Amino acid sequence: MKPRFQFGLAITLGCLVVAIESVVLLSLGTFYLRRFSAEVDRRLEDSLKKPSALVAQGALSTDAFGQKDTLESVVGPALDDAMVVSADGIILVAIQPEKVGHRWNEFPEVKPDWLRRAATGGFNESLSIGPNSFLIRVAPVASAGGEAPVLFSYVRIRTTENERELANLRVRLIGGSVAATLVTTVALLLGVHFLVTRRLRRVADAVEQVTAGNYNTTLGEVHLRDEIGFLKTGFNTMTERLRHGFDGLRNAVHDLEIAEQKYRVLVENADESIAVVQDGKFAFVNAKSYQMLSGPAINLITQSVMDFIHPDDRAMVAERYTQRISGQSPPARYEIRMLAADGRTIWVELNAVLIEWKGAPATLNFLR
C-alpha cells in the first residue's frame, strides 16, 4: 500500500498557513483600521472645535455661524448645521435662517441640557437622526466679565459618509485578507509540493520498492543539498551497500552450494560408511552405509541407530553417544558389533566426532 503521509503533510501545512495568515492579517487589519478610525474621529473632533476656538480668539465672528460657505471653510464639507444660542436658549444666529428667534428646545434634534453641560467647557457627542449619523459640539463662545457664558456655539457635522467608508474599508480589508490568504496559501502549497511532498513521495516510493526486494532502486542525482537531499543521499548510499552486501551473500551461497556438491560427491563415493546421527536416528547415510547395513530396499533415514547395534553393545554406544552430545570427551575410536538388515553381525571400527547438523548437535560417524 502506498504511503499517504505527503497528502497529510500538505493539508497540515495548508491549514497551518491559513490559520497563521488569517490571524496575522486580521489582527494587523483590525489594528490599522482602528487607528484609521481613531484618526478620522480625532480630525472630525478637531474640526468641530475650530469655530468656537476661533471665536474665542477673535479670529471669527459669531455671524459666521449663519454663513454656510464661511463655516464650511473652517469645518469642512461635512457641515450640516450650526447656530449661536444665548444662555437662556434663544437662537441668535443660524445657518438655517428660519430657526433664528426660536427657542433652543423647540427642535427635537437638540437636548435641553446641552447648554448646561457646555457651560463647563464644551463637549462633543454622537447623534443619530433617522438613518443618518452626526457628531455635534456645543461650546461657550462668550461670557460676561469672566462669569457664566452668555453665548454658545452649536456645530453639527454629518458622519454617515465616514461610517460608510469605514464599513466599506472593513469589507475591503476582509476581502483583501481572504484573497491574500488564498493566493499565498496556493503559492506556498505549490512550493511545498515541488520542494517537499513530491520529493518525499519519490523517497517513499523508493523505500516501498526496497521493502519489496528491489535493491537496485536509486533516487538519482541529488540537486538540492537540504534535509531531503541529505535523506536521498543516505538512501542511495544505503541501497548501494545493500546491493554489494547481497551480491557478496549470493556469491558466498553459490560457493557454498558448489562446495556442498563437491563434498556430497566425495562422501557418496567414499570407500567407507559415513553416517550422521541426530537424536538417536540416522540423519544422513552414504551409499556405502546402505551396502553395509540394509541394501537399497530399506530407507535408513530417521531409523533408530540402536536397531542396527548388537544388543550386547547398545548400552555402551548409547552412553558414549549421550556423553559426546553433552560436550564430554568419550573415546572417539572403538570397535562395536552392528546388525545388518538380514541379521548378520558385522564387526566395525567406529570413529565419531561431534558436529552441528541443521542447527542442532549431532555426531559424524565413520564405520570401517
Protein backbone atom coordinates (compact mmCIF):
# COMPACT_ATOMS: atom_id res chain seq x y z
CA MET A 1 0.00 0.00 0.00
CA LYS A 2 1.39 3.37 -0.97
CA PRO A 3 2.10 5.82 1.88
CA ARG A 4 -0.20 8.80 2.24
CA PHE A 5 1.72 10.98 4.65
CA GLN A 6 2.59 13.51 1.88
CA PHE A 7 -1.10 14.33 1.42
CA GLY A 8 -1.47 14.77 5.17
CA LEU A 9 1.66 16.94 5.26
CA ALA A 10 0.37 19.25 2.51
CA ILE A 11 -3.04 19.60 4.15
CA THR A 12 -1.47 20.19 7.56
CA LEU A 13 0.84 22.88 6.19
CA GLY A 14 -2.02 24.47 4.25
CA CYS A 15 -4.25 24.64 7.32
CA LEU A 16 -1.38 25.98 9.40
CA VAL A 17 -0.62 28.67 6.83
CA VAL A 18 -4.28 29.66 6.50
CA ALA A 19 -4.63 29.90 10.28
CA ILE A 20 -1.44 31.95 10.73
CA GLU A 21 -2.16 34.27 7.80
CA SER A 22 -5.76 34.77 8.87
CA VAL A 23 -4.75 35.68 12.41
CA VAL A 24 -1.90 37.94 11.28
CA LEU A 25 -3.81 39.71 8.51
CA LEU A 26 -6.98 40.18 10.52
CA SER A 27 -5.00 41.35 13.56
CA LEU A 28 -2.99 43.84 11.52
CA GLY A 29 -6.09 44.92 9.59
CA THR A 30 -8.08 45.42 12.78
CA PHE A 31 -5.21 47.31 14.38
CA TYR A 32 -4.74 49.71 11.45
CA LEU A 33 -8.48 50.03 10.90
CA ARG A 34 -8.91 51.10 14.50
CA ARG A 35 -6.04 53.55 14.17
CA PHE A 36 -7.52 54.91 10.96
CA SER A 37 -10.96 55.20 12.55
CA ALA A 38 -9.49 56.90 15.63
CA GLU A 39 -7.57 59.32 13.39
CA VAL A 40 -10.74 60.15 11.43
CA ASP A 41 -12.64 60.73 14.68
CA ARG A 42 -9.83 62.93 16.02
CA ARG A 43 -9.80 65.06 12.89
CA LEU A 44 -13.57 65.40 12.97
CA GLU A 45 -13.45 66.45 16.61
CA ASP A 46 -10.64 68.92 15.87
CA SER A 47 -12.66 70.41 13.03
CA LEU A 48 -15.63 70.76 15.38
CA LYS A 49 -13.51 72.64 17.93
CA LYS A 50 -12.17 75.18 15.43
CA PRO A 51 -15.21 77.50 15.13
CA SER A 52 -15.60 78.08 18.89
CA ALA A 53 -11.81 78.36 19.34
CA LEU A 54 -11.54 80.95 16.53
CA VAL A 55 -14.43 82.95 18.00
CA ALA A 56 -12.74 82.91 21.42
CA GLN A 57 -9.54 84.16 19.79
CA GLY A 58 -11.39 86.88 17.89
CA ALA A 59 -10.43 85.39 14.55
CA LEU A 60 -14.02 84.54 13.66
CA SER A 61 -17.23 86.41 14.39
CA THR A 62 -20.43 84.81 15.58
CA ASP A 63 -22.05 85.99 12.35
CA ALA A 64 -20.08 83.28 10.52
CA PHE A 65 -22.42 80.71 12.12
CA GLY A 66 -25.07 81.96 9.73
CA GLN A 67 -22.82 81.76 6.66
CA LYS A 68 -22.50 78.17 5.49
CA ASP A 69 -19.71 78.79 2.98
CA THR A 70 -17.59 80.59 5.56
CA LEU A 71 -18.14 77.94 8.19
CA GLU A 72 -17.53 75.07 5.72
CA SER A 73 -14.10 76.56 5.00
CA VAL A 74 -13.38 76.09 8.71
CA VAL A 75 -15.18 72.83 9.46
CA GLY A 76 -15.24 71.12 6.09
CA PRO A 77 -17.84 69.93 3.59
CA ALA A 78 -19.44 67.60 6.15
CA LEU A 79 -21.05 70.63 7.90
CA ASP A 80 -24.78 70.03 8.37
CA ASP A 81 -25.98 72.66 10.85
CA ALA A 82 -24.62 75.47 13.01
CA MET A 83 -26.03 78.20 15.28
CA VAL A 84 -25.24 80.59 18.12
CA VAL A 85 -27.54 80.35 21.15
CA SER A 86 -27.92 82.66 24.14
CA ALA A 87 -27.66 81.38 27.70
CA ASP A 88 -31.46 81.44 28.03
CA GLY A 89 -31.87 79.21 24.91
CA ILE A 90 -32.73 81.80 22.22
CA ILE A 91 -31.20 81.12 18.80
CA LEU A 92 -29.42 84.29 17.67
CA VAL A 93 -27.57 83.16 14.52
CA ALA A 94 -28.17 80.02 12.42
CA ILE A 95 -27.29 78.56 9.04
CA GLN A 96 -30.99 77.84 8.70
CA PRO A 97 -32.46 81.37 8.98
CA GLU A 98 -35.92 80.11 9.97
CA LYS A 99 -34.51 78.97 13.32
CA VAL A 100 -33.39 82.48 14.36
CA GLY A 101 -35.52 83.83 17.24
CA HIS A 102 -36.83 80.43 18.23
CA ARG A 103 -36.02 78.73 21.46
CA TRP A 104 -33.38 76.05 21.55
CA ASN A 105 -35.64 73.32 22.92
CA GLU A 106 -38.23 73.72 20.14
CA PHE A 107 -36.17 71.47 17.86
CA PRO A 108 -36.16 67.70 18.52
CA GLU A 109 -32.59 67.17 17.36
CA VAL A 110 -31.18 69.07 20.36
CA LYS A 111 -31.35 68.26 24.04
CA PRO A 112 -32.32 70.88 26.65
CA ASP A 113 -29.42 70.06 28.99
CA TRP A 114 -26.72 70.60 26.39
CA LEU A 115 -26.27 74.28 27.27
CA ARG A 116 -25.85 73.43 30.95
CA ARG A 117 -23.27 70.75 30.11
CA ALA A 118 -21.40 73.11 27.77
CA ALA A 119 -21.09 75.79 30.44
CA THR A 120 -18.12 73.92 31.95
CA GLY A 121 -16.07 73.99 28.77
CA GLY A 122 -17.89 72.37 25.84
CA PHE A 123 -18.36 68.77 24.74
CA ASN A 124 -18.72 66.50 21.68
CA GLU A 125 -21.46 63.93 21.26
CA SER A 126 -22.59 61.45 18.62
CA LEU A 127 -26.14 61.80 17.37
CA SER A 128 -28.44 59.79 15.11
CA ILE A 129 -31.32 61.30 13.19
CA GLY A 130 -33.17 58.74 11.15
CA PRO A 131 -30.72 56.73 9.03
CA ASN A 132 -28.02 59.40 9.34
CA SER A 133 -25.35 59.81 11.98
CA PHE A 134 -23.82 63.08 13.16
CA LEU A 135 -21.24 64.47 15.51
CA ILE A 136 -22.12 67.68 17.39
CA ARG A 137 -20.22 70.14 19.55
CA VAL A 138 -21.68 72.64 21.94
CA ALA A 139 -19.20 75.10 23.44
CA PRO A 140 -19.26 78.54 25.14
CA VAL A 141 -18.07 81.39 22.90
CA ALA A 142 -18.66 84.48 25.08
CA SER A 143 -19.05 85.29 28.74
CA ALA A 144 -19.88 88.42 30.69
CA GLY A 145 -16.96 89.68 32.71
CA GLY A 146 -15.44 86.26 33.27
CA GLU A 147 -18.66 84.92 34.73
CA ALA A 148 -21.03 82.30 33.32
CA PRO A 149 -21.16 82.04 29.49
CA VAL A 150 -23.75 84.13 27.74
CA LEU A 151 -23.33 82.69 24.23
CA PHE A 152 -22.91 79.12 23.00
CA SER A 153 -21.97 77.72 19.61
CA TYR A 154 -23.60 74.63 18.15
CA VAL A 155 -21.98 72.84 15.21
CA ARG A 156 -23.20 69.59 13.67
CA ILE A 157 -21.36 67.60 11.00
CA ARG A 158 -22.58 64.56 9.10
CA THR A 159 -20.59 61.35 9.77
CA THR A 160 -22.77 58.94 7.79
CA GLU A 161 -20.41 59.00 4.81
CA ASN A 162 -17.40 58.44 7.03
CA GLU A 163 -19.05 55.45 8.68
CA ARG A 164 -19.99 54.05 5.29
CA GLU A 165 -16.41 54.49 4.15
CA LEU A 166 -15.21 52.68 7.27
CA ALA A 167 -17.70 49.89 6.64
CA ASN A 168 -16.55 49.62 3.03
CA LEU A 169 -12.97 49.65 4.24
CA ARG A 170 -13.73 46.78 6.60
CA VAL A 171 -15.27 44.79 3.75
CA ARG A 172 -12.28 45.51 1.51
CA LEU A 173 -9.96 44.59 4.36
CA ILE A 174 -11.68 41.26 4.93
CA GLY A 175 -11.87 40.58 1.20
CA GLY A 176 -8.23 41.52 0.72
CA SER A 177 -7.22 39.35 3.67
CA VAL A 178 -9.11 36.38 2.27
CA ALA A 179 -7.65 36.94 -1.20
CA ALA A 180 -4.13 37.36 0.19
CA THR A 181 -4.56 34.23 2.30
CA LEU A 182 -5.76 32.20 -0.68
CA VAL A 183 -3.02 33.45 -3.01
CA THR A 184 -0.20 32.96 -0.52
CA THR A 185 -1.59 29.58 0.56
CA VAL A 186 -1.77 28.34 -3.02
CA ALA A 187 1.73 29.67 -3.70
CA LEU A 188 3.11 28.07 -0.55
CA LEU A 189 1.37 24.75 -1.20
CA LEU A 190 2.78 24.71 -4.73
CA GLY A 191 6.22 25.39 -3.31
CA VAL A 192 5.75 22.69 -0.67
CA HIS A 193 4.53 20.29 -3.35
CA PHE A 194 7.55 20.77 -5.61
CA LEU A 195 10.18 21.20 -2.90
CA VAL A 196 8.90 18.80 -0.23
CA THR A 197 5.95 16.48 -0.90
CA ARG A 198 6.90 15.42 -4.44
CA ARG A 199 10.46 14.69 -3.35
CA LEU A 200 9.24 12.86 -0.25
CA ARG A 201 6.86 10.84 -2.42
CA ARG A 202 9.81 9.69 -4.54
CA VAL A 203 11.67 8.66 -1.38
CA ALA A 204 8.59 6.83 -0.08
CA ASP A 205 8.10 5.01 -3.40
CA ALA A 206 11.77 4.01 -3.41
CA VAL A 207 11.51 2.73 0.17
CA GLU A 208 8.47 0.68 -0.86
CA GLN A 209 10.43 -0.85 -3.75
CA VAL A 210 13.32 -1.73 -1.45
CA THR A 211 10.84 -3.26 1.01
CA ALA A 212 9.53 -5.39 -1.87
CA GLY A 213 13.08 -6.65 -2.53
CA ASN A 214 14.19 -4.37 -5.39
CA TYR A 215 17.61 -3.36 -4.12
CA ASN A 216 18.58 -1.77 -7.43
CA THR A 217 16.33 1.20 -6.65
CA THR A 218 18.06 4.59 -6.66
CA LEU A 219 16.87 8.17 -6.29
CA GLY A 220 19.31 9.50 -8.87
CA GLU A 221 21.47 12.58 -8.56
CA VAL A 222 20.79 14.92 -5.63
CA HIS A 223 20.46 18.55 -6.77
CA LEU A 224 19.30 20.31 -3.58
CA ARG A 225 21.59 19.97 -0.58
CA ASP A 226 18.84 20.33 2.02
CA GLU A 227 17.42 17.88 4.58
CA ILE A 228 15.55 15.90 1.93
CA GLY A 229 18.66 15.92 -0.26
CA PHE A 230 20.61 14.53 2.70
CA LEU A 231 17.91 11.86 3.10
CA LYS A 232 18.13 10.94 -0.60
CA THR A 233 21.93 10.75 -0.44
CA GLY A 234 21.68 8.47 2.59
CA PHE A 235 19.11 6.30 0.81
CA ASN A 236 21.33 5.94 -2.27
CA THR A 237 24.29 5.03 -0.07
CA MET A 238 22.20 2.51 1.87
CA THR A 239 20.86 0.77 -1.25
CA GLU A 240 24.35 0.66 -2.77
CA ARG A 241 25.70 -1.05 0.34
CA LEU A 242 22.73 -3.41 0.36
CA ARG A 243 23.43 -4.33 -3.27
CA HIS A 244 27.08 -5.00 -2.51
CA GLY A 245 26.13 -6.98 0.59
CA PHE A 246 23.56 -9.12 -1.20
CA ASP A 247 25.90 -9.65 -4.16
CA GLY A 248 28.54 -10.90 -1.75
CA LEU A 249 25.96 -13.08 0.01
CA ARG A 250 24.81 -14.58 -3.30
CA ASN A 251 28.40 -15.33 -4.24
CA ALA A 252 29.02 -16.92 -0.85
CA VAL A 253 25.87 -19.04 -1.12
CA HIS A 254 26.87 -20.07 -4.63
CA ASP A 255 30.34 -21.04 -3.43
CA LEU A 256 28.79 -23.00 -0.55
CA GLU A 257 26.45 -24.82 -2.93
CA ILE A 258 29.39 -25.75 -5.16
CA ALA A 259 31.42 -26.88 -2.15
CA GLU A 260 28.44 -28.86 -0.83
CA GLN A 261 28.04 -30.58 -4.17
CA LYS A 262 31.75 -31.47 -4.19
CA TYR A 263 31.68 -32.82 -0.64
CA ARG A 264 28.45 -34.71 -1.33
CA VAL A 265 30.08 -36.38 -4.33
CA LEU A 266 33.12 -37.14 -2.18
CA VAL A 267 31.06 -38.55 0.69
CA GLU A 268 28.72 -40.52 -1.53
CA ASN A 269 31.67 -42.14 -3.30
CA ALA A 270 33.80 -42.70 -0.19
CA ASP A 271 35.10 -46.26 0.37
CA GLU A 272 33.86 -46.29 3.98
CA SER A 273 30.49 -45.91 5.62
CA ILE A 274 29.67 -42.34 6.71
CA ALA A 275 26.57 -41.55 8.78
CA VAL A 276 25.24 -38.56 10.67
CA VAL A 277 23.28 -39.44 13.82
CA GLN A 278 20.96 -36.90 15.45
CA ASP A 279 18.51 -37.56 18.28
CA GLY A 280 19.44 -41.23 18.11
CA LYS A 281 18.39 -41.58 14.48
CA PHE A 282 20.14 -41.59 11.13
CA ALA A 283 20.02 -38.09 9.64
CA PHE A 284 22.34 -38.86 6.71
CA VAL A 285 23.99 -42.00 5.37
CA ASN A 286 26.09 -42.53 2.24
CA ALA A 287 25.84 -45.31 -0.30
CA LYS A 288 28.49 -47.43 1.47
CA SER A 289 26.33 -47.43 4.62
CA TYR A 290 23.41 -48.84 2.66
CA GLN A 291 25.66 -51.59 1.27
CA MET A 292 26.81 -52.46 4.77
CA LEU A 293 23.53 -52.41 6.69
CA SER A 294 20.40 -52.70 4.60
CA GLY A 295 20.73 -52.54 0.89
CA PRO A 296 18.65 -50.15 -1.24
CA ALA A 297 15.31 -51.68 -0.22
CA ILE A 298 15.28 -50.07 3.25
CA ASN A 299 15.49 -46.34 3.85
CA LEU A 300 17.79 -45.74 6.79
CA ILE A 301 16.94 -42.05 7.24
CA THR A 302 15.01 -41.48 10.52
CA GLN A 303 15.61 -45.14 11.50
CA SER A 304 16.78 -45.64 15.09
CA VAL A 305 20.51 -46.34 15.24
CA MET A 306 20.04 -48.77 18.15
CA ASP A 307 18.06 -51.10 15.86
CA PHE A 308 21.34 -51.73 14.00
CA ILE A 309 23.57 -52.13 17.11
CA HIS A 310 24.17 -55.58 18.62
CA PRO A 311 22.22 -55.93 21.89
CA ASP A 312 25.42 -56.53 23.87
CA ASP A 313 26.91 -53.18 22.65
CA ARG A 314 23.82 -50.94 22.79
CA ALA A 315 24.34 -49.70 26.37
CA MET A 316 27.96 -48.69 25.65
CA VAL A 317 27.11 -46.98 22.36
CA ALA A 318 24.15 -45.11 23.90
CA GLU A 319 26.23 -43.92 26.87
CA ARG A 320 29.11 -42.66 24.71
CA TYR A 321 26.66 -41.00 22.28
CA THR A 322 24.98 -39.15 25.18
CA GLN A 323 28.34 -38.09 26.61
CA ARG A 324 29.54 -36.79 23.26
CA ILE A 325 26.29 -34.83 22.61
CA SER A 326 26.52 -33.25 26.08
CA GLY A 327 30.05 -31.99 25.38
CA GLN A 328 32.08 -34.65 27.17
CA SER A 329 35.01 -36.50 25.57
CA PRO A 330 34.42 -40.25 25.49
CA PRO A 331 36.72 -42.41 23.32
CA ALA A 332 36.37 -41.36 19.68
CA ARG A 333 37.54 -44.68 18.15
CA TYR A 334 36.38 -48.09 19.28
CA GLU A 335 35.01 -51.38 17.91
CA ILE A 336 31.36 -52.41 18.06
CA ARG A 337 29.13 -55.03 16.57
CA MET A 338 26.35 -53.97 14.24
CA LEU A 339 23.39 -55.88 12.86
CA ALA A 340 22.61 -55.87 9.15
CA ALA A 341 19.02 -55.96 7.93
CA ASP A 342 19.43 -59.62 7.03
CA GLY A 343 20.53 -60.49 10.60
CA ARG A 344 24.25 -60.68 10.01
CA THR A 345 26.59 -59.46 12.75
CA ILE A 346 29.27 -57.09 11.47
CA TRP A 347 32.36 -56.03 13.44
CA VAL A 348 33.19 -52.39 12.63
CA GLU A 349 35.59 -49.78 13.86
CA LEU A 350 33.61 -46.62 14.81
CA ASN A 351 35.21 -43.20 14.69
CA ALA A 352 32.73 -40.50 15.95
CA VAL A 353 33.06 -36.71 16.23
CA LEU A 354 30.61 -34.05 17.45
CA ILE A 355 29.20 -31.73 14.76
CA GLU A 356 26.28 -29.35 14.21
CA TRP A 357 23.70 -30.59 11.72
CA LYS A 358 20.96 -28.23 10.57
CA GLY A 359 21.31 -26.10 13.68
CA ALA A 360 21.36 -28.91 16.25
CA PRO A 361 24.09 -31.15 17.73
CA ALA A 362 24.80 -34.48 16.03
CA THR A 363 27.63 -36.97 15.58
CA LEU A 364 29.53 -37.67 12.38
CA ASN A 365 30.41 -41.38 12.29
CA PHE A 366 32.93 -43.22 10.12
CA LEU A 367 32.45 -47.01 10.01
CA ARG A 368 35.12 -49.45 8.74
